[in-house]
ModelCIF file with pLDDT and N, C-alpha, C, O atoms, coordinates in Angstrom:
data_MODEL
#
_entry.id   MODEL 
#
_entity.id                         1 
_entity.type                       polymer 
_entity.pdbx_number_of_molecules   1 
#
_entity_poly.entity_id                      1 
_entity_poly.type                           'polypeptide(L)' 
_entity_poly.nstd_linkage                   no 
_entity_poly.nstd_monomer                   no 
_entity_poly.pdbx_seq_one_letter_code       
;(UNK)(UNK)(UNK)(UNK)(UNK)(UNK)(UNK)(UNK)(UNK)(UNK)(UNK)(UNK)(UNK)(UNK)(UNK)(UNK)
(UNK)(UNK)(UNK)(UNK)(UNK)(UNK)(UNK)(UNK)(UNK)(UNK)(UNK)(UNK)(UNK)(UNK)(UNK)(UNK)
(UNK)(UNK)(UNK)(UNK)(UNK)(UNK)(UNK)(UNK)(UNK)
;
_entity_poly.pdbx_seq_one_letter_code_can   XXXXXXXXXXXXXXXXXXXXXXXXXXXXXXXXXXXXXXXXX 
_entity_poly.pdbx_strand_id                 A 
#
loop_
_entity_poly_seq.entity_id 
_entity_poly_seq.num 
_entity_poly_seq.mon_id 
_entity_poly_seq.hetero 
1 1  UNK n 
1 2  UNK n 
1 3  UNK n 
1 4  UNK n 
1 5  UNK n 
1 6  UNK n 
1 7  UNK n 
1 8  UNK n 
1 9  UNK n 
1 10 UNK n 
1 11 UNK n 
1 12 UNK n 
1 13 UNK n 
1 14 UNK n 
1 15 UNK n 
1 16 UNK n 
1 17 UNK n 
1 18 UNK n 
1 19 UNK n 
1 20 UNK n 
1 21 UNK n 
1 22 UNK n 
1 23 UNK n 
1 24 UNK n 
1 25 UNK n 
1 26 UNK n 
1 27 UNK n 
1 28 UNK n 
1 29 UNK n 
1 30 UNK n 
1 31 UNK n 
1 32 UNK n 
1 33 UNK n 
1 34 UNK n 
1 35 UNK n 
1 36 UNK n 
1 37 UNK n 
1 38 UNK n 
1 39 UNK n 
1 40 UNK n 
1 41 UNK n 
#
_struct_asym.id          A 
_struct_asym.entity_id   1 
#
loop_
_ma_qa_metric.id 
_ma_qa_metric.mode 
_ma_qa_metric.name 
_ma_qa_metric.software_group_id 
_ma_qa_metric.type 
1 global pLDDT . pLDDT 
2 local  pLDDT . pLDDT 
#
_ma_qa_metric_global.metric_id      1 
_ma_qa_metric_global.metric_value   96.00 
_ma_qa_metric_global.model_id       1 
_ma_qa_metric_global.ordinal_id     1 
#
loop_
_ma_qa_metric_local.label_asym_id 
_ma_qa_metric_local.label_comp_id 
_ma_qa_metric_local.label_seq_id 
_ma_qa_metric_local.metric_id 
_ma_qa_metric_local.metric_value 
_ma_qa_metric_local.model_id 
_ma_qa_metric_local.ordinal_id 
A UNK 1  2 98.00 1 1  
A UNK 2  2 98.00 1 2  
A UNK 3  2 98.00 1 3  
A UNK 4  2 97.00 1 4  
A UNK 5  2 97.00 1 5  
A UNK 6  2 98.00 1 6  
A UNK 7  2 98.00 1 7  
A UNK 8  2 97.00 1 8  
A UNK 9  2 97.00 1 9  
A UNK 10 2 98.00 1 10 
A UNK 11 2 98.00 1 11 
A UNK 12 2 96.00 1 12 
A UNK 13 2 97.00 1 13 
A UNK 14 2 96.00 1 14 
A UNK 15 2 96.00 1 15 
A UNK 16 2 97.00 1 16 
A UNK 17 2 95.00 1 17 
A UNK 18 2 94.00 1 18 
A UNK 19 2 94.00 1 19 
A UNK 20 2 95.00 1 20 
A UNK 21 2 94.00 1 21 
A UNK 22 2 93.00 1 22 
A UNK 23 2 94.00 1 23 
A UNK 24 2 96.00 1 24 
A UNK 25 2 97.00 1 25 
A UNK 26 2 97.00 1 26 
A UNK 27 2 97.00 1 27 
A UNK 28 2 97.00 1 28 
A UNK 29 2 95.00 1 29 
A UNK 30 2 94.00 1 30 
A UNK 31 2 93.00 1 31 
A UNK 32 2 94.00 1 32 
A UNK 33 2 92.00 1 33 
A UNK 34 2 91.00 1 34 
A UNK 35 2 95.00 1 35 
A UNK 36 2 96.00 1 36 
A UNK 37 2 97.00 1 37 
A UNK 38 2 98.00 1 38 
A UNK 39 2 97.00 1 39 
A UNK 40 2 97.00 1 40 
A UNK 41 2 98.00 1 41 
#
loop_
_atom_site.group_PDB 
_atom_site.id 
_atom_site.type_symbol 
_atom_site.label_atom_id 
_atom_site.label_alt_id 
_atom_site.label_comp_id 
_atom_site.label_asym_id 
_atom_site.label_entity_id 
_atom_site.label_seq_id 
_atom_site.pdbx_PDB_ins_code 
_atom_site.Cartn_x 
_atom_site.Cartn_y 
_atom_site.Cartn_z 
_atom_site.occupancy 
_atom_site.B_iso_or_equiv 
_atom_site.pdbx_formal_charge 
_atom_site.auth_seq_id 
_atom_site.auth_comp_id 
_atom_site.auth_asym_id 
_atom_site.auth_atom_id 
_atom_site.pdbx_PDB_model_num 
ATOM 1   N N  . UNK A 1 1  ? 18.338 -19.074 -16.781 1.00 98.00 ? 1  UNK A N  1 
ATOM 2   C CA . UNK A 1 1  ? 19.431 -18.145 -16.346 1.00 98.00 ? 1  UNK A CA 1 
ATOM 3   C C  . UNK A 1 1  ? 20.621 -19.073 -15.908 1.00 98.00 ? 1  UNK A C  1 
ATOM 4   O O  . UNK A 1 1  ? 20.412 -20.122 -15.299 1.00 98.00 ? 1  UNK A O  1 
ATOM 5   N N  . UNK A 1 2  ? 21.833 -18.652 -16.233 1.00 98.00 ? 2  UNK A N  1 
ATOM 6   C CA . UNK A 1 2  ? 22.996 -19.474 -15.838 1.00 98.00 ? 2  UNK A CA 1 
ATOM 7   C C  . UNK A 1 2  ? 23.065 -19.778 -14.376 1.00 98.00 ? 2  UNK A C  1 
ATOM 8   O O  . UNK A 1 2  ? 23.596 -20.826 -14.008 1.00 98.00 ? 2  UNK A O  1 
ATOM 9   N N  . UNK A 1 3  ? 22.550 -18.909 -13.497 1.00 98.00 ? 3  UNK A N  1 
ATOM 10  C CA . UNK A 1 3  ? 22.598 -19.085 -12.045 1.00 98.00 ? 3  UNK A CA 1 
ATOM 11  C C  . UNK A 1 3  ? 21.217 -19.505 -11.511 1.00 98.00 ? 3  UNK A C  1 
ATOM 12  O O  . UNK A 1 3  ? 20.821 -19.131 -10.407 1.00 98.00 ? 3  UNK A O  1 
ATOM 13  N N  . UNK A 1 4  ? 20.498 -20.295 -12.328 1.00 97.00 ? 4  UNK A N  1 
ATOM 14  C CA . UNK A 1 4  ? 19.165 -20.697 -11.968 1.00 97.00 ? 4  UNK A CA 1 
ATOM 15  C C  . UNK A 1 4  ? 19.028 -21.367 -10.609 1.00 97.00 ? 4  UNK A C  1 
ATOM 16  O O  . UNK A 1 4  ? 18.067 -21.098 -9.889  1.00 97.00 ? 4  UNK A O  1 
ATOM 17  N N  . UNK A 1 5  ? 19.951 -22.218 -10.250 1.00 97.00 ? 5  UNK A N  1 
ATOM 18  C CA . UNK A 1 5  ? 19.827 -22.892 -8.937  1.00 97.00 ? 5  UNK A CA 1 
ATOM 19  C C  . UNK A 1 5  ? 19.837 -21.914 -7.803  1.00 97.00 ? 5  UNK A C  1 
ATOM 20  O O  . UNK A 1 5  ? 18.968 -21.958 -6.932  1.00 97.00 ? 5  UNK A O  1 
ATOM 21  N N  . UNK A 1 6  ? 20.799 -21.039 -7.799  1.00 98.00 ? 6  UNK A N  1 
ATOM 22  C CA . UNK A 1 6  ? 20.908 -20.047 -6.712  1.00 98.00 ? 6  UNK A CA 1 
ATOM 23  C C  . UNK A 1 6  ? 19.727 -19.117 -6.678  1.00 98.00 ? 6  UNK A C  1 
ATOM 24  O O  . UNK A 1 6  ? 19.258 -18.731 -5.607  1.00 98.00 ? 6  UNK A O  1 
ATOM 25  N N  . UNK A 1 7  ? 19.241 -18.755 -7.858  1.00 98.00 ? 7  UNK A N  1 
ATOM 26  C CA . UNK A 1 7  ? 18.065 -17.861 -7.938  1.00 98.00 ? 7  UNK A CA 1 
ATOM 27  C C  . UNK A 1 7  ? 16.842 -18.524 -7.306  1.00 98.00 ? 7  UNK A C  1 
ATOM 28  O O  . UNK A 1 7  ? 16.104 -17.916 -6.530  1.00 98.00 ? 7  UNK A O  1 
ATOM 29  N N  . UNK A 1 8  ? 16.658 -19.794 -7.669  1.00 97.00 ? 8  UNK A N  1 
ATOM 30  C CA . UNK A 1 8  ? 15.477 -20.510 -7.097  1.00 97.00 ? 8  UNK A CA 1 
ATOM 31  C C  . UNK A 1 8  ? 15.616 -20.615 -5.583  1.00 97.00 ? 8  UNK A C  1 
ATOM 32  O O  . UNK A 1 8  ? 14.642 -20.454 -4.848  1.00 97.00 ? 8  UNK A O  1 
ATOM 33  N N  . UNK A 1 9  ? 16.856 -20.893 -5.117  1.00 97.00 ? 9  UNK A N  1 
ATOM 34  C CA . UNK A 1 9  ? 17.021 -21.032 -3.671  1.00 97.00 ? 9  UNK A CA 1 
ATOM 35  C C  . UNK A 1 9  ? 16.701 -19.633 -2.970  1.00 97.00 ? 9  UNK A C  1 
ATOM 36  O O  . UNK A 1 9  ? 16.059 -19.578 -1.921  1.00 97.00 ? 9  UNK A O  1 
ATOM 37  N N  . UNK A 1 10 ? 17.171 -18.570 -3.592  1.00 98.00 ? 10 UNK A N  1 
ATOM 38  C CA . UNK A 1 10 ? 16.862 -17.258 -3.027  1.00 98.00 ? 10 UNK A CA 1 
ATOM 39  C C  . UNK A 1 10 ? 15.390 -16.954 -3.044  1.00 98.00 ? 10 UNK A C  1 
ATOM 40  O O  . UNK A 1 10 ? 14.871 -16.350 -2.105  1.00 98.00 ? 10 UNK A O  1 
ATOM 41  N N  . UNK A 1 11 ? 14.697 -17.363 -4.101  1.00 98.00 ? 11 UNK A N  1 
ATOM 42  C CA . UNK A 1 11 ? 13.248 -17.158 -4.204  1.00 98.00 ? 11 UNK A CA 1 
ATOM 43  C C  . UNK A 1 11 ? 12.522 -17.982 -3.150  1.00 98.00 ? 11 UNK A C  1 
ATOM 44  O O  . UNK A 1 11 ? 11.566 -17.507 -2.536  1.00 98.00 ? 11 UNK A O  1 
ATOM 45  N N  . UNK A 1 12 ? 12.966 -19.197 -2.942  1.00 96.00 ? 12 UNK A N  1 
ATOM 46  C CA . UNK A 1 12 ? 12.342 -20.023 -1.883  1.00 96.00 ? 12 UNK A CA 1 
ATOM 47  C C  . UNK A 1 12 ? 12.450 -19.389 -0.544  1.00 96.00 ? 12 UNK A C  1 
ATOM 48  O O  . UNK A 1 12 ? 11.527 -19.476 0.266   1.00 96.00 ? 12 UNK A O  1 
ATOM 49  N N  . UNK A 1 13 ? 13.591 -18.731 -0.283  1.00 97.00 ? 13 UNK A N  1 
ATOM 50  C CA . UNK A 1 13 ? 13.710 -18.021 0.994   1.00 97.00 ? 13 UNK A CA 1 
ATOM 51  C C  . UNK A 1 13 ? 12.778 -16.821 1.079   1.00 97.00 ? 13 UNK A C  1 
ATOM 52  O O  . UNK A 1 13 ? 12.559 -16.282 2.164   1.00 97.00 ? 13 UNK A O  1 
ATOM 53  N N  . UNK A 1 14 ? 12.246 -16.411 -0.020  1.00 96.00 ? 14 UNK A N  1 
ATOM 54  C CA . UNK A 1 14 ? 11.309 -15.298 -0.060  1.00 96.00 ? 14 UNK A CA 1 
ATOM 55  C C  . UNK A 1 14 ? 9.850  -15.754 -0.223  1.00 96.00 ? 14 UNK A C  1 
ATOM 56  O O  . UNK A 1 14 ? 8.947  -14.983 -0.546  1.00 96.00 ? 14 UNK A O  1 
ATOM 57  N N  . UNK A 1 15 ? 9.681  -17.102 0.030   1.00 96.00 ? 15 UNK A N  1 
ATOM 58  C CA . UNK A 1 15 ? 8.370  -17.725 -0.048  1.00 96.00 ? 15 UNK A CA 1 
ATOM 59  C C  . UNK A 1 15 ? 7.787  -17.851 -1.467  1.00 96.00 ? 15 UNK A C  1 
ATOM 60  O O  . UNK A 1 15 ? 6.570  -17.958 -1.621  1.00 96.00 ? 15 UNK A O  1 
ATOM 61  N N  . UNK A 1 16 ? 8.624  -17.840 -2.485  1.00 97.00 ? 16 UNK A N  1 
ATOM 62  C CA . UNK A 1 16 ? 8.222  -18.095 -3.849  1.00 97.00 ? 16 UNK A CA 1 
ATOM 63  C C  . UNK A 1 16 ? 8.799  -19.479 -4.172  1.00 97.00 ? 16 UNK A C  1 
ATOM 64  O O  . UNK A 1 16 ? 10.007 -19.632 -4.349  1.00 97.00 ? 16 UNK A O  1 
ATOM 65  N N  . UNK A 1 17 ? 7.939  -20.457 -4.245  1.00 95.00 ? 17 UNK A N  1 
ATOM 66  C CA . UNK A 1 17 ? 8.418  -21.842 -4.406  1.00 95.00 ? 17 UNK A CA 1 
ATOM 67  C C  . UNK A 1 17 ? 8.494  -22.180 -5.892  1.00 95.00 ? 17 UNK A C  1 
ATOM 68  O O  . UNK A 1 17 ? 7.473  -22.294 -6.571  1.00 95.00 ? 17 UNK A O  1 
ATOM 69  N N  . UNK A 1 18 ? 9.716  -22.337 -6.381  1.00 94.00 ? 18 UNK A N  1 
ATOM 70  C CA . UNK A 1 18 ? 9.943  -22.787 -7.693  1.00 94.00 ? 18 UNK A CA 1 
ATOM 71  C C  . UNK A 1 18 ? 10.769 -24.040 -7.706  1.00 94.00 ? 18 UNK A C  1 
ATOM 72  O O  . UNK A 1 18 ? 11.016 -24.636 -6.657  1.00 94.00 ? 18 UNK A O  1 
ATOM 73  N N  . UNK A 1 19 ? 11.196 -24.444 -8.861  1.00 94.00 ? 19 UNK A N  1 
ATOM 74  C CA . UNK A 1 19 ? 11.947 -25.690 -8.990  1.00 94.00 ? 19 UNK A CA 1 
ATOM 75  C C  . UNK A 1 19 ? 13.066 -25.439 -9.965  1.00 94.00 ? 19 UNK A C  1 
ATOM 76  O O  . UNK A 1 19 ? 12.966 -24.580 -10.841 1.00 94.00 ? 19 UNK A O  1 
ATOM 77  N N  . UNK A 1 20 ? 14.144 -26.200 -9.807  1.00 95.00 ? 20 UNK A N  1 
ATOM 78  C CA . UNK A 1 20 ? 15.321 -26.021 -10.653 1.00 95.00 ? 20 UNK A CA 1 
ATOM 79  C C  . UNK A 1 20 ? 15.508 -27.307 -11.440 1.00 95.00 ? 20 UNK A C  1 
ATOM 80  O O  . UNK A 1 20 ? 15.309 -28.394 -10.898 1.00 95.00 ? 20 UNK A O  1 
ATOM 81  N N  . UNK A 1 21 ? 15.888 -27.201 -12.712 1.00 94.00 ? 21 UNK A N  1 
ATOM 82  C CA . UNK A 1 21 ? 16.273 -28.342 -13.530 1.00 94.00 ? 21 UNK A CA 1 
ATOM 83  C C  . UNK A 1 21 ? 17.623 -27.941 -14.239 1.00 94.00 ? 21 UNK A C  1 
ATOM 84  O O  . UNK A 1 21 ? 17.762 -26.869 -14.827 1.00 94.00 ? 21 UNK A O  1 
ATOM 85  N N  . UNK A 1 22 ? 18.542 -28.842 -14.135 1.00 93.00 ? 22 UNK A N  1 
ATOM 86  C CA . UNK A 1 22 ? 19.908 -28.621 -14.731 1.00 93.00 ? 22 UNK A CA 1 
ATOM 87  C C  . UNK A 1 22 ? 19.714 -28.500 -16.261 1.00 93.00 ? 22 UNK A C  1 
ATOM 88  O O  . UNK A 1 22 ? 18.822 -29.138 -16.820 1.00 93.00 ? 22 UNK A O  1 
ATOM 89  N N  . UNK A 1 23 ? 20.516 -27.713 -16.908 1.00 94.00 ? 23 UNK A N  1 
ATOM 90  C CA . UNK A 1 23 ? 21.596 -26.968 -16.320 1.00 94.00 ? 23 UNK A CA 1 
ATOM 91  C C  . UNK A 1 23 ? 21.196 -25.548 -15.854 1.00 94.00 ? 23 UNK A C  1 
ATOM 92  O O  . UNK A 1 23 ? 21.927 -24.950 -15.064 1.00 94.00 ? 23 UNK A O  1 
ATOM 93  N N  . UNK A 1 24 ? 20.067 -24.999 -16.317 1.00 96.00 ? 24 UNK A N  1 
ATOM 94  C CA . UNK A 1 24 ? 19.796 -23.566 -16.014 1.00 96.00 ? 24 UNK A CA 1 
ATOM 95  C C  . UNK A 1 24 ? 18.335 -23.174 -16.029 1.00 96.00 ? 24 UNK A C  1 
ATOM 96  O O  . UNK A 1 24 ? 17.995 -22.016 -16.272 1.00 96.00 ? 24 UNK A O  1 
ATOM 97  N N  . UNK A 1 25 ? 17.428 -24.191 -15.757 1.00 97.00 ? 25 UNK A N  1 
ATOM 98  C CA . UNK A 1 25 ? 16.026 -23.938 -15.855 1.00 97.00 ? 25 UNK A CA 1 
ATOM 99  C C  . UNK A 1 25 ? 15.377 -23.642 -14.520 1.00 97.00 ? 25 UNK A C  1 
ATOM 100 O O  . UNK A 1 25 ? 15.541 -24.402 -13.565 1.00 97.00 ? 25 UNK A O  1 
ATOM 101 N N  . UNK A 1 26 ? 14.643 -22.546 -14.445 1.00 97.00 ? 26 UNK A N  1 
ATOM 102 C CA . UNK A 1 26 ? 13.806 -22.202 -13.250 1.00 97.00 ? 26 UNK A CA 1 
ATOM 103 C C  . UNK A 1 26 ? 12.393 -22.544 -13.658 1.00 97.00 ? 26 UNK A C  1 
ATOM 104 O O  . UNK A 1 26 ? 11.892 -22.018 -14.652 1.00 97.00 ? 26 UNK A O  1 
ATOM 105 N N  . UNK A 1 27 ? 11.748 -23.406 -12.919 1.00 97.00 ? 27 UNK A N  1 
ATOM 106 C CA . UNK A 1 27 ? 10.353 -23.793 -13.225 1.00 97.00 ? 27 UNK A CA 1 
ATOM 107 C C  . UNK A 1 27 ? 9.401  -23.285 -12.171 1.00 97.00 ? 27 UNK A C  1 
ATOM 108 O O  . UNK A 1 27 ? 9.669  -23.335 -10.971 1.00 97.00 ? 27 UNK A O  1 
ATOM 109 N N  . UNK A 1 28 ? 8.253  -22.783 -12.674 1.00 97.00 ? 28 UNK A N  1 
ATOM 110 C CA . UNK A 1 28 ? 7.218  -22.322 -11.781 1.00 97.00 ? 28 UNK A CA 1 
ATOM 111 C C  . UNK A 1 28 ? 5.887  -22.936 -12.165 1.00 97.00 ? 28 UNK A C  1 
ATOM 112 O O  . UNK A 1 28 ? 5.481  -22.886 -13.326 1.00 97.00 ? 28 UNK A O  1 
ATOM 113 N N  . UNK A 1 29 ? 5.221  -23.507 -11.202 1.00 95.00 ? 29 UNK A N  1 
ATOM 114 C CA . UNK A 1 29 ? 3.922  -24.137 -11.451 1.00 95.00 ? 29 UNK A CA 1 
ATOM 115 C C  . UNK A 1 29 ? 2.855  -23.311 -10.855 1.00 95.00 ? 29 UNK A C  1 
ATOM 116 O O  . UNK A 1 29 ? 3.015  -22.749 -9.772  1.00 95.00 ? 29 UNK A O  1 
ATOM 117 N N  . UNK A 1 30 ? 1.733  -23.226 -11.569 1.00 94.00 ? 30 UNK A N  1 
ATOM 118 C CA . UNK A 1 30 ? 0.566  -22.416 -11.130 1.00 94.00 ? 30 UNK A CA 1 
ATOM 119 C C  . UNK A 1 30 ? -0.599 -23.358 -10.928 1.00 94.00 ? 30 UNK A C  1 
ATOM 120 O O  . UNK A 1 30 ? -1.117 -23.942 -11.879 1.00 94.00 ? 30 UNK A O  1 
ATOM 121 N N  . UNK A 1 31 ? -1.005 -23.500 -9.677  1.00 93.00 ? 31 UNK A N  1 
ATOM 122 C CA . UNK A 1 31 ? -2.143 -24.313 -9.352  1.00 93.00 ? 31 UNK A CA 1 
ATOM 123 C C  . UNK A 1 31 ? -3.404 -23.393 -9.372  1.00 93.00 ? 31 UNK A C  1 
ATOM 124 O O  . UNK A 1 31 ? -3.669 -22.659 -8.420  1.00 93.00 ? 31 UNK A O  1 
ATOM 125 N N  . UNK A 1 32 ? -4.147 -23.462 -10.464 1.00 94.00 ? 32 UNK A N  1 
ATOM 126 C CA . UNK A 1 32 ? -5.205 -22.460 -10.695 1.00 94.00 ? 32 UNK A CA 1 
ATOM 127 C C  . UNK A 1 32 ? -6.355 -22.567 -9.673  1.00 94.00 ? 32 UNK A C  1 
ATOM 128 O O  . UNK A 1 32 ? -7.144 -21.628 -9.565  1.00 94.00 ? 32 UNK A O  1 
ATOM 129 N N  . UNK A 1 33 ? -6.474 -23.630 -8.951  1.00 92.00 ? 33 UNK A N  1 
ATOM 130 C CA . UNK A 1 33 ? -7.565 -23.730 -7.990  1.00 92.00 ? 33 UNK A CA 1 
ATOM 131 C C  . UNK A 1 33 ? -7.333 -22.833 -6.778  1.00 92.00 ? 33 UNK A C  1 
ATOM 132 O O  . UNK A 1 33 ? -8.297 -22.426 -6.130  1.00 92.00 ? 33 UNK A O  1 
ATOM 133 N N  . UNK A 1 34 ? -6.077 -22.515 -6.454  1.00 91.00 ? 34 UNK A N  1 
ATOM 134 C CA . UNK A 1 34 ? -5.847 -21.708 -5.300  1.00 91.00 ? 34 UNK A CA 1 
ATOM 135 C C  . UNK A 1 34 ? -4.757 -20.631 -5.472  1.00 91.00 ? 34 UNK A C  1 
ATOM 136 O O  . UNK A 1 34 ? -4.504 -19.863 -4.544  1.00 91.00 ? 34 UNK A O  1 
ATOM 137 N N  . UNK A 1 35 ? -4.113 -20.568 -6.646  1.00 95.00 ? 35 UNK A N  1 
ATOM 138 C CA . UNK A 1 35 ? -3.174 -19.498 -6.911  1.00 95.00 ? 35 UNK A CA 1 
ATOM 139 C C  . UNK A 1 35 ? -3.930 -18.296 -7.416  1.00 95.00 ? 35 UNK A C  1 
ATOM 140 O O  . UNK A 1 35 ? -4.748 -18.403 -8.330  1.00 95.00 ? 35 UNK A O  1 
ATOM 141 N N  . UNK A 1 36 ? -3.652 -17.130 -6.811  1.00 96.00 ? 36 UNK A N  1 
ATOM 142 C CA . UNK A 1 36 ? -4.344 -15.910 -7.226  1.00 96.00 ? 36 UNK A CA 1 
ATOM 143 C C  . UNK A 1 36 ? -3.480 -15.086 -8.173  1.00 96.00 ? 36 UNK A C  1 
ATOM 144 O O  . UNK A 1 36 ? -2.262 -15.260 -8.217  1.00 96.00 ? 36 UNK A O  1 
ATOM 145 N N  . UNK A 1 37 ? -4.100 -14.203 -8.921  1.00 97.00 ? 37 UNK A N  1 
ATOM 146 C CA . UNK A 1 37 ? -3.317 -13.354 -9.879  1.00 97.00 ? 37 UNK A CA 1 
ATOM 147 C C  . UNK A 1 37 ? -2.355 -12.491 -9.055  1.00 97.00 ? 37 UNK A C  1 
ATOM 148 O O  . UNK A 1 37 ? -1.241 -12.236 -9.512  1.00 97.00 ? 37 UNK A O  1 
ATOM 149 N N  . UNK A 1 38 ? -2.731 -12.046 -7.892  1.00 98.00 ? 38 UNK A N  1 
ATOM 150 C CA . UNK A 1 38 ? -1.854 -11.214 -7.074  1.00 98.00 ? 38 UNK A CA 1 
ATOM 151 C C  . UNK A 1 38 ? -0.625 -12.018 -6.624  1.00 98.00 ? 38 UNK A C  1 
ATOM 152 O O  . UNK A 1 38 ? 0.452  -11.461 -6.412  1.00 98.00 ? 38 UNK A O  1 
ATOM 153 N N  . UNK A 1 39 ? -0.812 -13.358 -6.482  1.00 97.00 ? 39 UNK A N  1 
ATOM 154 C CA . UNK A 1 39 ? 0.371  -14.177 -6.172  1.00 97.00 ? 39 UNK A CA 1 
ATOM 155 C C  . UNK A 1 39 ? 1.419  -14.142 -7.286  1.00 97.00 ? 39 UNK A C  1 
ATOM 156 O O  . UNK A 1 39 ? 2.622  -14.170 -7.025  1.00 97.00 ? 39 UNK A O  1 
ATOM 157 N N  . UNK A 1 40 ? 0.951  -14.082 -8.504  1.00 97.00 ? 40 UNK A N  1 
ATOM 158 C CA . UNK A 1 40 ? 1.841  -14.038 -9.648  1.00 97.00 ? 40 UNK A CA 1 
ATOM 159 C C  . UNK A 1 40 ? 2.588  -12.688 -9.637  1.00 97.00 ? 40 UNK A C  1 
ATOM 160 O O  . UNK A 1 40 ? 3.803  -12.646 -9.829  1.00 97.00 ? 40 UNK A O  1 
ATOM 161 N N  . UNK A 1 41 ? 1.856  -11.599 -9.414  1.00 98.00 ? 41 UNK A N  1 
ATOM 162 C CA . UNK A 1 41 ? 2.466  -10.252 -9.253  1.00 98.00 ? 41 UNK A CA 1 
ATOM 163 C C  . UNK A 1 41 ? 3.519  -10.308 -8.192  1.00 98.00 ? 41 UNK A C  1 
ATOM 164 O O  . UNK A 1 41 ? 4.154  -9.295  -7.897  1.00 98.00 ? 41 UNK A O  1 
#
């Protein structure tokens, strides 16, 4: 998304921890040992 950085920052404030990579990439990692399907929802 063109506003990826700001979107990731807003998500972090909502306890969704993602990562940003220039110029427009929002990255999300899923640690299967402790991430639940409800966490994805």
